[in-house]
Every structure is written in structure tokens, then in C-alpha cells.
Amino acid sequence: MTRYWKVEEAKANFSRLLRAAEKEPQVITRHGKPVATVIPGAQEAPKPPRSVWELLRGDFTFTPPEGEDWDSDWLERDRTPLAEPLDLGDGENTEPRA
């Protein structure tokens, strides 16, 4: 059974907390609200993203609002070329996109 530890209790009994966490997740609370969970080492914690792009890539699920039906091509990139050059402020790459 998962145990809830107050921060002070977790600090004072850290070794016991770790031993208990080897068996099942242990929740640490502050002012009665969960702030951290210590999980067994066999259950790997999710690794932080290595870059912003990896973070943004994520797994997204898009669903239409109730009563609407989206066909499969509803999310497509706008490939319309720019009418004017794109100024990136560095004096380069000012040609319109094709």
C-alpha cells in the first residue's frame, strides 16, 4: 500500500522511505498536498527531453469538438509562398519561401 510521508518525516527517515519505495511508490506531501513520488527503481522514471524539439514533438491526440467531424486532411501545413521577403533580422535568408 502506498504510504504518504510529510516532508519532515521523509527527511528524517530517508533510508526507510527508500526501502519502502523499492516495493511500491511512496508519496511525499507538503501541507497535505502531494509534491513528489518516489518510485521503485525497476519502474524507470520518464527521462527528461533532451531538447525543446523533443519536448514539443510529444504525443498529441486531436479530437474534433462535439458535433463536428474532421476529415483526415484537416491538419495540413500551409504551403502558400510568402508574398514578401522574410526578414530574419540578420541580413540573410530574405528571399521568399518557395
PDB file of N, CA and C in Angstrom:
ATOM      1  N   MET A   1       0.839  -1.183   0.000  1.00  0.00           N
ATOM      2  CA  MET A   1       0.000   0.000   0.000  1.00  0.00           C
ATOM      3  C   MET A   1       0.884   1.246   0.000  1.00  0.00           C
ATOM      4  N   THR A   2       0.561   2.172  -0.877  1.00  0.00           N
ATOM      5  CA  THR A   2       1.333   3.409  -0.974  1.00  0.00           C
ATOM      6  C   THR A   2       1.212   4.200   0.318  1.00  0.00           C
ATOM      7  N   ARG A   3       2.334   4.684   0.797  1.00  0.00           N
ATOM      8  CA  ARG A   3       2.342   5.471   2.022  1.00  0.00           C
ATOM      9  C   ARG A   3       2.569   6.934   1.686  1.00  0.00           C
ATOM     10  N   TYR A   4       1.967   7.799   2.457  1.00  0.00           N
ATOM     11  CA  TYR A   4       2.137   9.244   2.313  1.00  0.00           C
ATOM     12  C   TYR A   4       3.045   9.724   3.440  1.00  0.00           C
ATOM     13  N   TRP A   5       4.095  10.445   3.075  1.00  0.00           N
ATOM     14  CA  TRP A   5       5.076  10.943   4.024  1.00  0.00           C
ATOM     15  C   TRP A   5       5.049  12.464   4.020  1.00  0.00           C
ATOM     16  N   LYS A   6       5.051  13.069   5.213  1.00  0.00           N
ATOM     17  CA  LYS A   6       5.233  14.513   5.297  1.00  0.00           C
ATOM     18  C   LYS A   6       6.696  14.798   4.955  1.00  0.00           C
ATOM     19  N   VAL A   7       7.001  15.980   4.442  1.00  0.00           N
ATOM     20  CA  VAL A   7       8.371  16.321   4.062  1.00  0.00           C
ATOM     21  C   VAL A   7       9.330  16.102   5.232  1.00  0.00           C
ATOM     22  N   GLU A   8       8.959  16.585   6.419  1.00  0.00           N
ATOM     23  CA  GLU A   8       9.831  16.442   7.589  1.00  0.00           C
ATOM     24  C   GLU A   8      10.070  14.971   7.910  1.00  0.00           C
ATOM     25  N   GLU A   9       9.020  14.169   7.815  1.00  0.00           N
ATOM     26  CA  GLU A   9       9.109  12.741   8.098  1.00  0.00           C
ATOM     27  C   GLU A   9       9.999  12.048   7.063  1.00  0.00           C
ATOM     28  N   ALA A  10       9.845  12.437   5.791  1.00  0.00           N
ATOM     29  CA  ALA A  10      10.647  11.847   4.719  1.00  0.00           C
ATOM     30  C   ALA A  10      12.132  12.185   4.915  1.00  0.00           C
ATOM     31  N   LYS A  11      12.431  13.432   5.306  1.00  0.00           N
ATOM     32  CA  LYS A  11      13.823  13.831   5.542  1.00  0.00           C
ATOM     33  C   LYS A  11      14.422  13.066   6.714  1.00  0.00           C
ATOM     34  N   ALA A  12      13.672  12.928   7.786  1.00  0.00           N
ATOM     35  CA  ALA A  12      14.179  12.273   8.990  1.00  0.00           C
ATOM     36  C   ALA A  12      14.338  10.765   8.803  1.00  0.00           C
ATOM     37  N   ASN A  13      13.550  10.173   7.905  1.00  0.00           N
ATOM     38  CA  ASN A  13      13.547   8.723   7.716  1.00  0.00           C
ATOM     39  C   ASN A  13      13.825   8.354   6.260  1.00  0.00           C
ATOM     40  N   PHE A  14      14.781   9.046   5.651  1.00  0.00           N
ATOM     41  CA  PHE A  14      15.020   8.873   4.221  1.00  0.00           C
ATOM     42  C   PHE A  14      15.361   7.432   3.849  1.00  0.00           C
ATOM     43  N   SER A  15      16.164   6.755   4.644  1.00  0.00           N
ATOM     44  CA  SER A  15      16.528   5.364   4.355  1.00  0.00           C
ATOM     45  C   SER A  15      15.297   4.466   4.357  1.00  0.00           C
ATOM     46  N   ARG A  16      14.413   4.661   5.342  1.00  0.00           N
ATOM     47  CA  ARG A  16      13.165   3.879   5.387  1.00  0.00           C
ATOM     48  C   ARG A  16      12.291   4.173   4.175  1.00  0.00           C
ATOM     49  N   LEU A  17      12.238   5.439   3.785  1.00  0.00           N
ATOM     50  CA  LEU A  17      11.453   5.829   2.619  1.00  0.00           C
ATOM     51  C   LEU A  17      11.970   5.110   1.373  1.00  0.00           C
ATOM     52  N   LEU A  18      13.295   5.086   1.208  1.00  0.00           N
ATOM     53  CA  LEU A  18      13.878   4.412   0.037  1.00  0.00           C
ATOM     54  C   LEU A  18      13.614   2.912   0.051  1.00  0.00           C
ATOM     55  N   ARG A  19      13.725   2.288   1.231  1.00  0.00           N
ATOM     56  CA  ARG A  19      13.431   0.847   1.324  1.00  0.00           C
ATOM     57  C   ARG A  19      11.979   0.570   0.950  1.00  0.00           C
ATOM     58  N   ALA A  20      11.068   1.407   1.429  1.00  0.00           N
ATOM     59  CA  ALA A  20       9.644   1.237   1.100  1.00  0.00           C
ATOM     60  C   ALA A  20       9.402   1.481  -0.382  1.00  0.00           C
ATOM     61  N   ALA A  21      10.141   2.433  -0.963  1.00  0.00           N
ATOM     62  CA  ALA A  21       9.960   2.764  -2.382  1.00  0.00           C
ATOM     63  C   ALA A  21      10.459   1.652  -3.297  1.00  0.00           C
ATOM     64  N   GLU A  22      11.327   0.776  -2.786  1.00  0.00           N
ATOM     65  CA  GLU A  22      11.779  -0.360  -3.590  1.00  0.00           C
ATOM     66  C   GLU A  22      10.629  -1.310  -3.882  1.00  0.00           C
ATOM     67  N   LYS A  23       9.614  -1.282  -3.029  1.00  0.00           N
ATOM     68  CA  LYS A  23       8.477  -2.193  -3.174  1.00  0.00           C
ATOM     69  C   LYS A  23       7.298  -1.557  -3.905  1.00  0.00           C
ATOM     70  N   GLU A  24       7.047  -0.287  -3.603  1.00  0.00           N
ATOM     71  CA  GLU A  24       5.899   0.408  -4.211  1.00  0.00           C
ATOM     72  C   GLU A  24       6.101   1.916  -4.104  1.00  0.00           C
ATOM     73  N   PRO A  25       5.404   2.686  -4.927  1.00  0.00           N
ATOM     74  CA  PRO A  25       5.577   4.141  -4.897  1.00  0.00           C
ATOM     75  C   PRO A  25       5.262   4.729  -3.524  1.00  0.00           C
ATOM     76  N   GLN A  26       6.042   5.744  -3.141  1.00  0.00           N
ATOM     77  CA  GLN A  26       5.857   6.451  -1.877  1.00  0.00           C
ATOM     78  C   GLN A  26       5.619   7.925  -2.211  1.00  0.00           C
ATOM     79  N   VAL A  27       4.606   8.527  -1.613  1.00  0.00           N
ATOM     80  CA  VAL A  27       4.227   9.906  -1.916  1.00  0.00           C
ATOM     81  C   VAL A  27       4.685  10.817  -0.791  1.00  0.00           C
ATOM     82  N   ILE A  28       5.341  11.924  -1.158  1.00  0.00           N
ATOM     83  CA  ILE A  28       5.782  12.923  -0.180  1.00  0.00           C
ATOM     84  C   ILE A  28       4.841  14.118  -0.291  1.00  0.00           C
ATOM     85  N   THR A  29       4.348  14.585   0.861  1.00  0.00           N
ATOM     86  CA  THR A  29       3.384  15.689   0.856  1.00  0.00           C
ATOM     87  C   THR A  29       3.940  16.906   1.586  1.00  0.00           C
ATOM     88  N   ARG A  30       3.448  18.074   1.192  1.00  0.00           N
ATOM     89  CA  ARG A  30       3.756  19.328   1.877  1.00  0.00           C
ATOM     90  C   ARG A  30       2.419  20.003   2.131  1.00  0.00           C
ATOM     91  N   HIS A  31       2.144  20.304   3.369  1.00  0.00           N
ATOM     92  CA  HIS A  31       0.870  20.903   3.766  1.00  0.00           C
ATOM     93  C   HIS A  31      -0.311  20.053   3.279  1.00  0.00           C
ATOM     94  N   GLY A  32      -0.121  18.723   3.318  1.00  0.00           N
ATOM     95  CA  GLY A  32      -1.191  17.800   2.959  1.00  0.00           C
ATOM     96  C   GLY A  32      -1.384  17.585   1.469  1.00  0.00           C
ATOM     97  N   LYS A  33      -0.571  18.241   0.629  1.00  0.00           N
ATOM     98  CA  LYS A  33      -0.710  18.093  -0.824  1.00  0.00           C
ATOM     99  C   LYS A  33       0.495  17.334  -1.376  1.00  0.00           C
ATOM    100  N   PRO A  34       0.279  16.350  -2.266  1.00  0.00           N
ATOM    101  CA  PRO A  34       1.396  15.600  -2.849  1.00  0.00           C
ATOM    102  C   PRO A  34       2.330  16.515  -3.636  1.00  0.00           C
ATOM    103  N   VAL A  35       3.643  16.389  -3.384  1.00  0.00           N
ATOM    104  CA  VAL A  35       4.626  17.195  -4.106  1.00  0.00           C
ATOM    105  C   VAL A  35       5.643  16.323  -4.842  1.00  0.00           C
ATOM    106  N   ALA A  36       5.772  15.054  -4.453  1.00  0.00           N
ATOM    107  CA  ALA A  36       6.729  14.166  -5.112  1.00  0.00           C
ATOM    108  C   ALA A  36       6.317  12.721  -4.883  1.00  0.00           C
ATOM    109  N   THR A  37       6.740  11.864  -5.801  1.00  0.00           N
ATOM    110  CA  THR A  37       6.519  10.436  -5.660  1.00  0.00           C
ATOM    111  C   THR A  37       7.842   9.730  -5.895  1.00  0.00           C
ATOM    112  N   VAL A  38       8.230   8.872  -4.969  1.00  0.00           N
ATOM    113  CA  VAL A  38       9.442   8.071  -5.110  1.00  0.00           C
ATOM    114  C   VAL A  38       8.972   6.707  -5.591  1.00  0.00           C
ATOM    115  N   ILE A  39       9.494   6.287  -6.761  1.00  0.00           N
ATOM    116  CA  ILE A  39       9.025   5.033  -7.353  1.00  0.00           C
ATOM    117  C   ILE A  39      10.120   3.981  -7.327  1.00  0.00           C
ATOM    118  N   PRO A  40       9.751   2.699  -7.398  1.00  0.00           N
ATOM    119  CA  PRO A  40      10.768   1.648  -7.427  1.00  0.00           C
ATOM    120  C   PRO A  40      11.703   1.832  -8.616  1.00  0.00           C
ATOM    121  N   GLY A  41      12.977   1.489  -8.426  1.00  0.00           N
ATOM    122  CA  GLY A  41      13.961   1.639  -9.490  1.00  0.00           C
ATOM    123  C   GLY A  41      13.637   0.824 -10.727  1.00  0.00           C
ATOM    124  N   ALA A  42      12.950  -0.296 -10.566  1.00  0.00           N
ATOM    125  CA  ALA A  42      12.590  -1.122 -11.716  1.00  0.00           C
ATOM    126  C   ALA A  42      11.621  -0.384 -12.638  1.00  0.00           C
ATOM    127  N   GLN A  43      10.833   0.512 -12.080  1.00  0.00           N
ATOM    128  CA  GLN A  43       9.940   1.333 -12.891  1.00  0.00           C
ATOM    129  C   GLN A  43      10.714   2.589 -13.248  1.00  0.00           C
ATOM    130  N   GLU A  44      11.252   2.625 -14.440  1.00  0.00           N
ATOM    131  CA  GLU A  44      12.073   3.775 -14.807  1.00  0.00           C
ATOM    132  C   GLU A  44      11.252   5.046 -14.847  1.00  0.00           C
ATOM    133  N   ALA A  45      11.802   6.061 -14.238  1.00  0.00           N
ATOM    134  CA  ALA A  45      11.162   7.369 -14.303  1.00  0.00           C
ATOM    135  C   ALA A  45      11.292   7.888 -15.731  1.00  0.00           C
ATOM    136  N   PRO A  46      10.317   8.664 -16.189  1.00  0.00           N
ATOM    137  CA  PRO A  46      10.438   9.199 -17.537  1.00  0.00           C
ATOM    138  C   PRO A  46      11.673  10.091 -17.640  1.00  0.00           C
ATOM    139  N   LYS A  47      12.402   9.917 -18.726  1.00  0.00           N
ATOM    140  CA  LYS A  47      13.605  10.721 -18.933  1.00  0.00           C
ATOM    141  C   LYS A  47      13.201  12.113 -19.421  1.00  0.00           C
ATOM    142  N   PRO A  48      13.888  13.140 -18.939  1.00  0.00           N
ATOM    143  CA  PRO A  48      13.562  14.491 -19.402  1.00  0.00           C
ATOM    144  C   PRO A  48      13.927  14.630 -20.873  1.00  0.00           C
ATOM    145  N   PRO A  49      13.212  15.474 -21.599  1.00  0.00           N
ATOM    146  CA  PRO A  49      13.540  15.659 -23.014  1.00  0.00           C
ATOM    147  C   PRO A  49      14.950  16.227 -23.171  1.00  0.00           C
ATOM    148  N   ARG A  50      15.635  15.817 -24.242  1.00  0.00           N
ATOM    149  CA  ARG A  50      16.994  16.296 -24.484  1.00  0.00           C
ATOM    150  C   ARG A  50      16.997  17.671 -25.135  1.00  0.00           C
ATOM    151  N   SER A  51      15.885  18.027 -25.758  1.00  0.00           N
ATOM    152  CA  SER A  51      15.827  19.322 -26.419  1.00  0.00           C
ATOM    153  C   SER A  51      14.387  19.825 -26.431  1.00  0.00           C
ATOM    154  N   VAL A  52      14.231  21.087 -26.783  1.00  0.00           N
ATOM    155  CA  VAL A  52      12.896  21.659 -26.897  1.00  0.00           C
ATOM    156  C   VAL A  52      12.112  20.932 -27.972  1.00  0.00           C
ATOM    157  N   TRP A  53      12.785  20.570 -29.058  1.00  0.00           N
ATOM    158  CA  TRP A  53      12.090  19.883 -30.158  1.00  0.00           C
ATOM    159  C   TRP A  53      11.548  18.543 -29.696  1.00  0.00           C
ATOM    160  N   GLU A  54      12.318  17.830 -28.899  1.00  0.00           N
ATOM    161  CA  GLU A  54      11.841  16.546 -28.385  1.00  0.00           C
ATOM    162  C   GLU A  54      10.637  16.749 -27.475  1.00  0.00           C
ATOM    163  N   LEU A  55      10.683  17.819 -26.679  1.00  0.00           N
ATOM    164  CA  LEU A  55       9.570  18.132 -25.794  1.00  0.00           C
ATOM    165  C   LEU A  55       8.315  18.465 -26.597  1.00  0.00           C
ATOM    166  N   LEU A  56       8.480  19.279 -27.638  1.00  0.00           N
ATOM    167  CA  LEU A  56       7.334  19.681 -28.447  1.00  0.00           C
ATOM    168  C   LEU A  56       6.791  18.547 -29.300  1.00  0.00           C
ATOM    169  N   ARG A  57       7.664  17.607 -29.664  1.00  0.00           N
ATOM    170  CA  ARG A  57       7.225  16.502 -30.512  1.00  0.00           C
ATOM    171  C   ARG A  57       6.116  15.726 -29.812  1.00  0.00           C
ATOM    172  N   GLY A  58       6.336  15.311 -28.603  1.00  0.00           N
ATOM    173  CA  GLY A  58       5.333  14.658 -27.761  1.00  0.00           C
ATOM    174  C   GLY A  58       4.348  13.762 -28.468  1.00  0.00           C
ATOM    175  N   ASP A  59       3.388  13.322 -27.755  1.00  0.00           N
ATOM    176  CA  ASP A  59       2.287  12.532 -28.294  1.00  0.00           C
ATOM    177  C   ASP A  59       1.028  13.343 -28.127  1.00  0.00           C
ATOM    178  N   PHE A  60       0.505  13.822 -29.214  1.00  0.00           N
ATOM    179  CA  PHE A  60      -0.682  14.648 -29.167  1.00  0.00           C
ATOM    180  C   PHE A  60      -1.846  13.911 -29.808  1.00  0.00           C
ATOM    181  N   THR A  61      -2.989  14.036 -29.219  1.00  0.00           N
ATOM    182  CA  THR A  61      -4.198  13.474 -29.775  1.00  0.00           C
ATOM    183  C   THR A  61      -5.163  14.618 -30.009  1.00  0.00           C
ATOM    184  N   PHE A  62      -5.588  14.763 -31.234  1.00  0.00           N
ATOM    185  CA  PHE A  62      -6.535  15.813 -31.567  1.00  0.00           C
ATOM    186  C   PHE A  62      -7.893  15.178 -31.794  1.00  0.00           C
ATOM    187  N   THR A  63      -8.900  15.709 -31.150  1.00  0.00           N
ATOM    188  CA  THR A  63     -10.254  15.224 -31.375  1.00  0.00           C
ATOM    189  C   THR A  63     -11.135  16.405 -31.739  1.00  0.00           C
ATOM    190  N   PRO A  64     -12.068  16.194 -32.648  1.00  0.00           N
ATOM    191  CA  PRO A  64     -12.941  17.298 -33.042  1.00  0.00           C
ATOM    192  C   PRO A  64     -13.901  17.656 -31.919  1.00  0.00           C
ATOM    193  N   PRO A  65     -14.331  18.929 -31.875  1.00  0.00           N
ATOM    194  CA  PRO A  65     -15.339  19.304 -30.897  1.00  0.00           C
ATOM    195  C   PRO A  65     -16.608  18.485 -31.120  1.00  0.00           C
ATOM    196  N   GLU A  66     -17.364  18.332 -30.065  1.00  0.00           N
ATOM    197  CA  GLU A  66     -18.588  17.538 -30.152  1.00  0.00           C
ATOM    198  C   GLU A  66     -19.480  18.059 -31.272  1.00  0.00           C
ATOM    199  N   GLY A  67     -19.949  17.154 -32.092  1.00  0.00           N
ATOM    200  CA  GLY A  67     -20.843  17.523 -33.187  1.00  0.00           C
ATOM    201  C   GLY A  67     -20.126  17.822 -34.490  1.00  0.00           C
ATOM    202  N   GLU A  68     -18.794  17.887 -34.477  1.00  0.00           N
ATOM    203  CA  GLU A  68     -18.033  18.138 -35.701  1.00  0.00           C
ATOM    204  C   GLU A  68     -17.322  16.872 -36.125  1.00  0.00           C
ATOM    205  N   ASP A  69     -17.072  16.772 -37.419  1.00  0.00           N
ATOM    206  CA  ASP A  69     -16.357  15.622 -37.945  1.00  0.00           C
ATOM    207  C   ASP A  69     -15.229  16.129 -38.823  1.00  0.00           C
ATOM    208  N   TRP A  70     -13.998  15.830 -38.439  1.00  0.00           N
ATOM    209  CA  TRP A  70     -12.854  16.274 -39.221  1.00  0.00           C
ATOM    210  C   TRP A  70     -12.455  15.170 -40.176  1.00  0.00           C
ATOM    211  N   ASP A  71     -12.187  15.546 -41.414  1.00  0.00           N
ATOM    212  CA  ASP A  71     -11.659  14.547 -42.322  1.00  0.00           C
ATOM    213  C   ASP A  71     -10.158  14.413 -42.077  1.00  0.00           C
ATOM    214  N   SER A  72      -9.507  13.485 -42.752  1.00  0.00           N
ATOM    215  CA  SER A  72      -8.123  13.168 -42.438  1.00  0.00           C
ATOM    216  C   SER A  72      -7.134  14.270 -42.795  1.00  0.00           C
ATOM    217  N   ASP A  73      -7.486  15.210 -43.650  1.00  0.00           N
ATOM    218  CA  ASP A  73      -6.521  16.237 -44.048  1.00  0.00           C
ATOM    219  C   ASP A  73      -6.783  17.592 -43.380  1.00  0.00           C
ATOM    220  N   TRP A  74      -7.443  17.594 -42.244  1.00  0.00           N
ATOM    221  CA  TRP A  74      -7.772  18.867 -41.591  1.00  0.00           C
ATOM    222  C   TRP A  74      -6.535  19.582 -41.050  1.00  0.00           C
ATOM    223  N   LEU A  75      -5.491  18.830 -40.752  1.00  0.00           N
ATOM    224  CA  LEU A  75      -4.283  19.434 -40.199  1.00  0.00           C
ATOM    225  C   LEU A  75      -3.170  19.336 -41.224  1.00  0.00           C
ATOM    226  N   GLU A  76      -3.064  20.338 -42.076  1.00  0.00           N
ATOM    227  CA  GLU A  76      -2.029  20.356 -43.090  1.00  0.00           C
ATOM    228  C   GLU A  76      -1.291  21.677 -43.032  1.00  0.00           C
ATOM    229  N   ARG A  77      -0.044  21.631 -43.418  1.00  0.00           N
ATOM    230  CA  ARG A  77       0.779  22.827 -43.442  1.00  0.00           C
ATOM    231  C   ARG A  77       0.340  23.733 -44.582  1.00  0.00           C
ATOM    232  N   ASP A  78       0.312  25.027 -44.304  1.00  0.00           N
ATOM    233  CA  ASP A  78       0.005  25.999 -45.339  1.00  0.00           C
ATOM    234  C   ASP A  78       1.257  26.163 -46.189  1.00  0.00           C
ATOM    235  N   ARG A  79       1.185  25.751 -47.431  1.00  0.00           N
ATOM    236  CA  ARG A  79       2.343  25.802 -48.319  1.00  0.00           C
ATOM    237  C   ARG A  79       2.305  27.015 -49.255  1.00  0.00           C
ATOM    238  N   THR A  80       1.458  27.976 -48.948  1.00  0.00           N
ATOM    239  CA  THR A  80       1.379  29.186 -49.756  1.00  0.00           C
ATOM    240  C   THR A  80       2.673  29.970 -49.612  1.00  0.00           C
ATOM    241  N   PRO A  81       3.340  30.328 -50.745  1.00  0.00           N
ATOM    242  CA  PRO A  81       4.580  31.095 -50.619  1.00  0.00           C
ATOM    243  C   PRO A  81       4.312  32.485 -50.062  1.00  0.00           C
ATOM    244  N   LEU A  82       5.302  33.016 -49.377  1.00  0.00           N
ATOM    245  CA  LEU A  82       5.177  34.362 -48.836  1.00  0.00           C
ATOM    246  C   LEU A  82       5.208  35.366 -49.978  1.00  0.00           C
ATOM    247  N   ALA A  83       4.410  36.408 -49.876  1.00  0.00           N
ATOM    248  CA  ALA A  83       4.353  37.429 -50.916  1.00  0.00           C
ATOM    249  C   ALA A  83       5.555  38.356 -50.837  1.00  0.00           C
ATOM    250  N   GLU A  84       6.109  38.532 -49.657  1.00  0.00           N
ATOM    251  CA  GLU A  84       7.238  39.433 -49.470  1.00  0.00           C
ATOM    252  C   GLU A  84       8.398  38.658 -48.860  1.00  0.00           C
ATOM    253  N   PRO A  85       9.628  39.185 -49.052  1.00  0.00           N
ATOM    254  CA  PRO A  85      10.777  38.512 -48.435  1.00  0.00           C
ATOM    255  C   PRO A  85      10.621  38.435 -46.920  1.00  0.00           C
ATOM    256  N   LEU A  86      11.143  37.401 -46.360  1.00  0.00           N
ATOM    257  CA  LEU A  86      11.095  37.183 -44.920  1.00  0.00           C
ATOM    258  C   LEU A  86      12.360  37.749 -44.293  1.00  0.00           C
ATOM    259  N   ASP A  87      12.235  38.796 -43.479  1.00  0.00           N
ATOM    260  CA  ASP A  87      13.384  39.432 -42.842  1.00  0.00           C
ATOM    261  C   ASP A  87      13.601  38.799 -41.472  1.00  0.00           C
ATOM    262  N   LEU A  88      14.708  38.090 -41.324  1.00  0.00           N
ATOM    263  CA  LEU A  88      15.026  37.441 -40.058  1.00  0.00           C
ATOM    264  C   LEU A  88      15.878  38.328 -39.173  1.00  0.00           C
ATOM    265  N   GLY A  89      16.161  39.548 -39.630  1.00  0.00           N
ATOM    266  CA  GLY A  89      16.917  40.481 -38.823  1.00  0.00           C
ATOM    267  C   GLY A  89      18.412  40.287 -38.871  1.00  0.00           C
ATOM    268  N   ASP A  90      18.879  39.263 -39.592  1.00  0.00           N
ATOM    269  CA  ASP A  90      20.322  39.033 -39.655  1.00  0.00           C
ATOM    270  C   ASP A  90      20.897  39.377 -41.025  1.00  0.00           C
ATOM    271  N   GLY A  91      20.065  39.894 -41.914  1.00  0.00           N
ATOM    272  CA  GLY A  91      20.519  40.278 -43.241  1.00  0.00           C
ATOM    273  C   GLY A  91      20.643  39.112 -44.197  1.00  0.00           C
ATOM    274  N   GLU A  92      20.343  37.911 -43.729  1.00  0.00           N
ATOM    275  CA  GLU A  92      20.398  36.725 -44.576  1.00  0.00           C
ATOM    276  C   GLU A  92      19.001  36.143 -44.715  1.00  0.00           C
ATOM    277  N   ASN A  93      18.878  35.194 -45.621  1.00  0.00           N
ATOM    278  CA  ASN A  93      17.619  34.477 -45.821  1.00  0.00           C
ATOM    279  C   ASN A  93      16.427  35.423 -45.990  1.00  0.00           C
ATOM    280  N   THR A  94      16.574  36.390 -46.868  1.00  0.00           N
ATOM    281  CA  THR A  94      15.486  37.326 -47.067  1.00  0.00           C
ATOM    282  C   THR A  94      14.675  37.027 -48.318  1.00  0.00           C
ATOM    283  N   GLU A  95      14.985  35.899 -48.968  1.00  0.00           N
ATOM    284  CA  GLU A  95      14.213  35.523 -50.156  1.00  0.00           C
ATOM    285  C   GLU A  95      12.891  34.894 -49.725  1.00  0.00           C
ATOM    286  N   PRO A  96      11.841  35.098 -50.520  1.00  0.00           N
ATOM    287  CA  PRO A  96      10.557  34.461 -50.186  1.00  0.00           C
ATOM    288  C   PRO A  96      10.705  32.946 -50.190  1.00  0.00           C
ATOM    289  N   ARG A  97       9.929  32.295 -49.333  1.00  0.00           N
ATOM    290  CA  ARG A  97       9.925  30.828 -49.306  1.00  0.00           C
ATOM    291  C   ARG A  97       9.232  30.307 -50.551  1.00  0.00           C
ATOM    292  N   ALA A  98       9.681  29.176 -51.049  1.00  0.00           N
ATOM    293  CA  ALA A  98       9.033  28.575 -52.213  1.00  0.00           C
ATOM    294  C   ALA A  98       8.040  27.541 -51.781  1.00  0.00           C
TER     295      ALA A  98
END
